[in-house]
Amino acid sequence: MKLLVINNMSSGYGDGAIYDFMRHFEQDGDELVLRSTSGQTDIRTLLYDAHTFDAVVASGGDGTVTTVAYALAHSGVPILPFPAGTANLLALNMLSPNEPHALAKLVREGKTLDFDIAELNIDGNTYGFGNIAGAGWDATIMKAALSSKRILGPGAYFAAALENPRPELSHFTITLDDTVIERDGLAVLIINFSKIQFDISLVANNRPRDGWLDVVVLKADNALKLIPALKDAILNQNGHYSTRSDIMEVHRAKHVSVVSDPPAEIQYDGEVTNIARPFSARILPHAARFIISDEGYSMYEKE
């Protein structure tokens, strides 16, 4: 096999698991090409000949994986999300293993499914995301967690949430395809894959292959009011929990635009933009071909 490995050296804990993967993977006659970035080199420039490889391994966090997936959208090039970041939510949602040898086996087996990804547009600049983009409190959490991610891992996000219990509220004007709604709240979340840390699902019946985005408005006037819903979500991990409706209003759309007053900062897949502007998002149906486990295939193949 001919394999292209994109390695984001600045992601996660820097434990070098990608090199273990390469050792487990390589066999006689294989060609493995490793291209690395520390965050300075644009990942997209490393993919200029990706179509000539049997598969691309995207080693890094969710931002790395979806940058690769967005750059290769609709190309049919199989992509392995290699979980080398802090949260690795894409791998979690697709029921992928974490061990390098198991991931090497997945690539050999070559089982794939085409998933939706989403496109975020801010001032004419576009970015791909696979999990969640949002404006408001979630971006505040992502920003506050940056300094402690390597020490606390996924717990950095919860520590950041506890440090910001009373964030600024915004008035959101949200266009859902042809419908406009206005809501006050902590944040607007635009969701493709719905599971976050600790296997919590933000919405019920999330289907990342159906050509739709889920849009969640957090209507609480302070973060402490989210605690009952969070507790209920932990106990009911399929997303069917009773207290959500009071503070989490859920919609579906193919194209979403958001204007917030006062302006709320934006994040996508944990990437902090430091931008507080109107933005839009649209779904790209079946745009990314991911290499997937047998368990993930069984979960998603019928959608």
Protein backbone atom coordinates (compact mmCIF):
# COMPACT_ATOMS: atom_id res chain seq x y z
CA MET A 1 0.00 0.00 0.00
CA LYS A 2 0.94 3.60 -0.52
CA LEU A 3 0.07 5.65 2.55
CA LEU A 4 0.31 9.39 3.23
CA VAL A 5 0.64 10.31 6.90
CA ILE A 6 -0.11 13.90 7.93
CA ASN A 7 1.29 14.49 11.42
CA ASN A 8 0.38 17.57 13.46
CA MET A 9 3.22 17.62 16.00
CA SER A 10 1.53 20.31 18.11
CA SER A 11 -1.57 18.21 18.83
CA GLY A 12 -2.34 16.42 22.07
CA TYR A 13 0.38 15.05 24.30
CA GLY A 14 3.09 14.56 21.69
CA ASP A 15 3.51 10.90 22.68
CA GLY A 16 4.67 9.75 19.24
CA ALA A 17 1.94 7.13 18.80
CA ILE A 18 1.87 7.83 15.07
CA TYR A 19 5.37 6.35 14.76
CA ASP A 20 4.19 3.18 16.51
CA PHE A 21 1.34 3.06 14.01
CA MET A 22 3.77 3.28 11.10
CA ARG A 23 5.91 0.47 12.50
CA HIS A 24 2.85 -1.74 12.98
CA PHE A 25 1.56 -0.91 9.52
CA GLU A 26 4.55 -1.29 7.23
CA GLN A 27 4.97 -4.47 5.22
CA ASP A 28 7.16 -5.53 2.32
CA GLY A 29 6.60 -3.29 -0.69
CA ASP A 30 4.74 -0.56 1.18
CA GLU A 31 5.46 3.11 0.71
CA LEU A 32 4.82 5.38 3.70
CA VAL A 33 5.22 9.12 3.24
CA LEU A 34 5.29 11.23 6.43
CA ARG A 35 4.62 14.97 6.24
CA SER A 36 4.62 17.00 9.45
CA THR A 37 3.56 20.39 10.67
CA SER A 38 4.06 22.14 13.98
CA GLY A 39 1.16 24.44 13.19
CA GLN A 40 3.16 26.83 11.00
CA THR A 41 2.87 24.89 7.74
CA ASP A 42 -0.66 24.87 6.34
CA ILE A 43 -1.91 21.28 6.34
CA ARG A 44 -3.60 21.83 3.00
CA THR A 45 -0.22 22.34 1.30
CA LEU A 46 0.80 18.83 2.40
CA LEU A 47 -2.07 17.21 0.50
CA TYR A 48 -1.22 18.29 -3.05
CA ASP A 49 -0.85 14.69 -4.29
CA ALA A 50 -3.16 12.91 -1.84
CA HIS A 51 -5.17 11.41 -4.70
CA THR A 52 -2.14 9.26 -5.65
CA PHE A 53 -2.19 7.42 -2.30
CA ASP A 54 -4.35 4.49 -1.22
CA ALA A 55 -5.26 6.34 1.98
CA VAL A 56 -4.39 9.36 4.11
CA VAL A 57 -3.79 9.15 7.85
CA ALA A 58 -4.64 12.41 9.64
CA SER A 59 -2.75 12.36 12.94
CA GLY A 60 -3.80 15.09 15.35
CA GLY A 61 -6.89 16.46 17.01
CA ASP A 62 -10.32 16.92 15.49
CA GLY A 63 -9.24 20.19 13.87
CA THR A 64 -6.44 18.37 12.04
CA VAL A 65 -8.71 15.57 10.87
CA THR A 66 -11.43 17.85 9.57
CA THR A 67 -8.93 20.16 7.88
CA VAL A 68 -7.73 17.12 5.93
CA ALA A 69 -11.29 15.93 5.29
CA TYR A 70 -12.43 19.35 4.09
CA ALA A 71 -9.42 19.71 1.78
CA LEU A 72 -10.20 16.29 0.29
CA ALA A 73 -14.00 16.72 0.23
CA HIS A 74 -15.74 14.65 -2.47
CA SER A 75 -12.39 13.26 -3.65
CA GLY A 76 -13.10 9.70 -2.53
CA VAL A 77 -9.70 9.44 -0.84
CA PRO A 78 -10.04 7.26 2.30
CA ILE A 79 -9.00 9.07 5.51
CA LEU A 80 -8.10 7.50 8.84
CA PRO A 81 -8.73 9.82 11.80
CA PHE A 82 -5.72 9.02 13.99
CA PRO A 83 -6.60 10.14 17.56
CA ALA A 84 -3.53 12.14 18.58
CA GLY A 85 -5.33 15.19 19.99
CA THR A 86 -6.89 16.00 23.36
CA ALA A 87 -10.53 15.01 22.89
CA ASN A 88 -10.53 13.04 19.58
CA LEU A 89 -14.30 13.28 19.25
CA LEU A 90 -14.43 12.09 15.65
CA ALA A 91 -12.77 8.81 16.58
CA LEU A 92 -15.09 8.55 19.60
CA ASN A 93 -18.19 9.06 17.47
CA MET A 94 -17.05 6.51 14.89
CA LEU A 95 -16.21 3.89 17.56
CA SER A 96 -12.60 3.72 16.40
CA PRO A 97 -9.90 2.08 18.52
CA ASN A 98 -7.07 4.10 20.07
CA GLU A 99 -4.24 1.56 19.83
CA PRO A 100 -1.77 2.04 16.94
CA HIS A 101 -1.74 -1.64 15.96
CA ALA A 102 -5.57 -1.76 15.85
CA LEU A 103 -5.65 1.38 13.72
CA ALA A 104 -3.05 -0.11 11.37
CA LYS A 105 -5.31 -3.14 10.97
CA LEU A 106 -8.25 -0.86 10.11
CA VAL A 107 -6.30 0.68 7.25
CA ARG A 108 -5.35 -2.76 5.92
CA GLU A 109 -8.95 -3.89 6.03
CA GLY A 110 -10.01 -0.70 4.25
CA LYS A 111 -13.64 -0.55 5.35
CA THR A 112 -15.00 2.93 4.60
CA LEU A 113 -18.17 4.99 4.80
CA ASP A 114 -18.91 8.42 3.38
CA PHE A 115 -19.91 10.92 6.09
CA ASP A 116 -21.23 14.46 6.04
CA ILE A 117 -18.91 17.26 7.01
CA ALA A 118 -19.80 20.92 7.37
CA GLU A 119 -18.44 24.17 6.05
CA LEU A 120 -18.13 27.28 8.20
CA ASN A 121 -18.05 30.68 6.50
CA ILE A 122 -16.78 33.78 8.34
CA ASP A 123 -16.29 36.95 6.32
CA GLY A 124 -15.81 34.94 3.13
CA ASN A 125 -13.21 32.61 4.66
CA THR A 126 -14.25 28.95 4.82
CA TYR A 127 -13.27 26.19 7.24
CA GLY A 128 -14.33 22.58 7.50
CA PHE A 129 -15.66 21.01 10.68
CA GLY A 130 -16.80 17.51 11.46
CA ASN A 131 -18.20 17.72 14.99
CA ILE A 132 -19.40 21.04 16.36
CA ALA A 133 -19.03 24.73 15.59
CA GLY A 134 -20.44 27.34 17.89
CA ALA A 135 -20.57 30.88 19.11
CA GLY A 136 -20.70 32.04 22.71
CA TRP A 137 -19.92 30.12 25.87
CA ASP A 138 -18.48 27.06 24.11
CA ALA A 139 -15.86 29.22 22.38
CA THR A 140 -15.03 30.79 25.75
CA ILE A 141 -14.44 27.30 27.17
CA MET A 142 -12.23 26.24 24.26
CA LYS A 143 -10.15 29.38 24.64
CA ALA A 144 -9.78 29.03 28.41
CA ALA A 145 -8.78 25.36 28.09
CA LEU A 146 -5.85 25.96 25.72
CA SER A 147 -3.22 26.40 28.43
CA SER A 148 -4.12 23.25 30.38
CA LYS A 149 -5.04 20.70 27.67
CA ARG A 150 -1.70 18.90 27.78
CA ILE A 151 -1.87 18.59 31.57
CA LEU A 152 -5.56 17.87 32.16
CA GLY A 153 -6.53 16.31 28.83
CA PRO A 154 -10.32 16.34 28.25
CA GLY A 155 -10.77 17.53 31.84
CA ALA A 156 -9.38 20.89 30.75
CA TYR A 157 -12.71 21.71 29.13
CA PHE A 158 -14.68 21.03 32.29
CA ALA A 159 -12.21 23.00 34.38
CA ALA A 160 -12.62 25.90 31.95
CA ALA A 161 -16.40 25.64 32.23
CA LEU A 162 -16.23 25.84 36.01
CA GLU A 163 -14.02 28.92 35.74
CA ASN A 164 -16.62 30.66 33.57
CA PRO A 165 -19.98 29.96 35.25
CA ARG A 166 -21.61 33.28 34.31
CA PRO A 167 -20.61 34.14 30.75
CA GLU A 168 -22.05 37.05 28.84
CA LEU A 169 -25.44 36.39 27.28
CA SER A 170 -26.13 37.22 23.65
CA HIS A 171 -29.22 37.83 21.56
CA PHE A 172 -28.99 35.42 18.61
CA THR A 173 -30.70 35.90 15.27
CA ILE A 174 -30.57 32.50 13.60
CA THR A 175 -31.60 31.69 10.04
CA LEU A 176 -32.48 28.01 9.59
CA ASP A 177 -32.79 27.53 5.83
CA ASP A 178 -35.77 29.86 5.17
CA THR A 179 -36.89 30.36 8.77
CA VAL A 180 -35.61 33.10 11.11
CA ILE A 181 -35.74 32.74 14.90
CA GLU A 182 -34.46 35.00 17.70
CA ARG A 183 -33.29 33.69 21.04
CA ASP A 184 -31.33 34.88 24.10
CA GLY A 185 -28.79 32.52 25.56
CA LEU A 186 -25.26 31.36 26.28
CA ALA A 187 -24.42 29.82 22.92
CA VAL A 188 -25.51 28.46 19.58
CA LEU A 189 -24.07 25.06 18.62
CA ILE A 190 -24.10 23.68 15.07
CA ILE A 191 -23.67 19.92 15.20
CA ASN A 192 -22.69 17.21 12.75
CA PHE A 193 -21.39 14.45 15.08
CA SER A 194 -23.10 14.87 18.45
CA LYS A 195 -21.03 13.02 21.06
CA ILE A 196 -18.64 14.97 23.26
CA GLN A 197 -16.36 13.93 26.11
CA PHE A 198 -17.43 11.07 28.40
CA ASP A 199 -19.71 9.71 25.67
CA ILE A 200 -22.37 12.41 26.21
CA SER A 201 -24.68 12.95 23.23
CA LEU A 202 -25.89 16.52 22.79
CA VAL A 203 -28.87 15.55 20.63
CA ALA A 204 -31.02 12.48 20.16
CA ASN A 205 -30.83 10.44 16.96
CA ASN A 206 -27.83 12.30 15.60
CA ARG A 207 -27.19 11.05 12.05
CA PRO A 208 -23.97 12.35 10.50
CA ARG A 209 -24.79 10.81 7.12
CA ASP A 210 -28.28 12.23 6.55
CA GLY A 211 -27.42 15.62 5.01
CA TRP A 212 -28.69 17.72 7.93
CA LEU A 213 -27.17 19.82 10.69
CA ASP A 214 -28.54 19.87 14.25
CA VAL A 215 -28.68 23.36 15.75
CA VAL A 216 -28.82 23.71 19.54
CA VAL A 217 -29.52 26.97 21.36
CA LEU A 218 -28.39 27.01 25.00
CA LYS A 219 -31.07 29.26 26.47
CA ALA A 220 -29.96 29.25 30.11
CA ASP A 221 -29.05 32.67 31.51
CA ASN A 222 -26.08 31.21 33.37
CA ALA A 223 -23.96 28.09 33.01
CA LEU A 224 -25.00 26.67 36.40
CA LYS A 225 -28.47 26.00 35.02
CA LEU A 226 -26.93 23.55 32.55
CA ILE A 227 -25.82 21.21 35.36
CA PRO A 228 -29.13 19.26 35.68
CA ALA A 229 -29.19 18.67 31.92
CA LEU A 230 -25.54 17.59 31.97
CA LYS A 231 -26.21 15.16 34.80
CA ASP A 232 -29.21 13.76 32.94
CA ALA A 233 -27.14 13.44 29.76
CA ILE A 234 -24.49 11.38 31.57
CA LEU A 235 -27.19 9.02 32.82
CA ASN A 236 -28.94 8.82 29.43
CA GLN A 237 -26.16 8.76 26.87
CA ASN A 238 -28.43 8.20 23.86
CA GLY A 239 -29.52 11.85 24.03
CA HIS A 240 -33.07 11.13 25.26
CA TYR A 241 -33.01 13.08 28.50
CA SER A 242 -35.87 14.90 30.10
CA THR A 243 -34.41 18.22 31.27
CA ARG A 244 -32.87 19.18 27.95
CA SER A 245 -35.99 20.82 26.51
CA ASP A 246 -36.05 23.63 29.08
CA ILE A 247 -32.63 24.99 28.26
CA MET A 248 -31.55 23.26 25.03
CA GLU A 249 -33.71 24.10 22.05
CA VAL A 250 -32.96 21.87 19.04
CA HIS A 251 -33.56 22.57 15.34
CA ARG A 252 -32.44 21.01 12.05
CA ALA A 253 -31.33 22.71 8.85
CA LYS A 254 -29.03 22.34 5.86
CA HIS A 255 -27.84 25.95 5.97
CA VAL A 256 -27.56 28.07 9.13
CA SER A 257 -26.54 31.68 9.67
CA VAL A 258 -26.01 33.32 13.05
CA VAL A 259 -25.79 36.96 14.14
CA SER A 260 -25.17 37.66 17.82
CA ASP A 261 -25.54 40.85 19.86
CA PRO A 262 -23.19 41.49 21.54
CA PRO A 263 -20.87 39.66 19.15
CA ALA A 264 -19.91 36.17 20.38
CA GLU A 265 -16.60 34.47 19.60
CA ILE A 266 -16.63 31.42 17.32
CA GLN A 267 -14.96 28.01 17.58
CA TYR A 268 -15.06 24.93 15.36
CA ASP A 269 -13.94 21.45 16.39
CA GLY A 270 -12.07 22.99 19.32
CA GLU A 271 -10.19 25.46 17.13
CA VAL A 272 -10.33 28.93 18.66
CA THR A 273 -10.78 31.62 16.00
CA ASN A 274 -10.63 34.76 18.20
CA ILE A 275 -13.29 36.08 15.82
CA ALA A 276 -16.65 37.48 16.90
CA ARG A 277 -18.59 38.09 13.70
CA PRO A 278 -21.75 36.90 11.92
CA PHE A 279 -21.16 33.49 10.38
CA SER A 280 -22.88 30.75 8.45
CA ALA A 281 -22.56 26.99 8.07
CA ARG A 282 -23.78 24.49 5.54
CA ILE A 283 -23.75 20.72 5.31
CA LEU A 284 -21.67 18.90 2.70
CA PRO A 285 -23.46 15.55 2.34
CA HIS A 286 -21.26 12.43 2.16
CA ALA A 287 -18.21 14.59 1.45
CA ALA A 288 -15.63 12.71 3.57
CA ARG A 289 -14.67 9.06 3.13
CA PHE A 290 -13.47 7.78 6.50
CA ILE A 291 -11.86 4.44 7.30
CA ILE A 292 -14.03 2.94 9.99
CA SER A 293 -14.18 0.03 12.42
CA ASP A 294 -16.61 -2.87 12.11
CA GLU A 295 -18.56 -1.48 15.07
CA GLY A 296 -18.76 1.96 13.50
CA TYR A 297 -19.78 0.50 10.16
CA SER A 298 -22.60 -1.47 11.77
CA MET A 299 -23.81 1.68 13.56
CA TYR A 300 -23.87 3.98 10.53
CA GLU A 301 -24.16 1.88 7.35
CA LYS A 302 -27.99 1.99 7.17
CA GLU A 303 -28.31 5.75 7.50
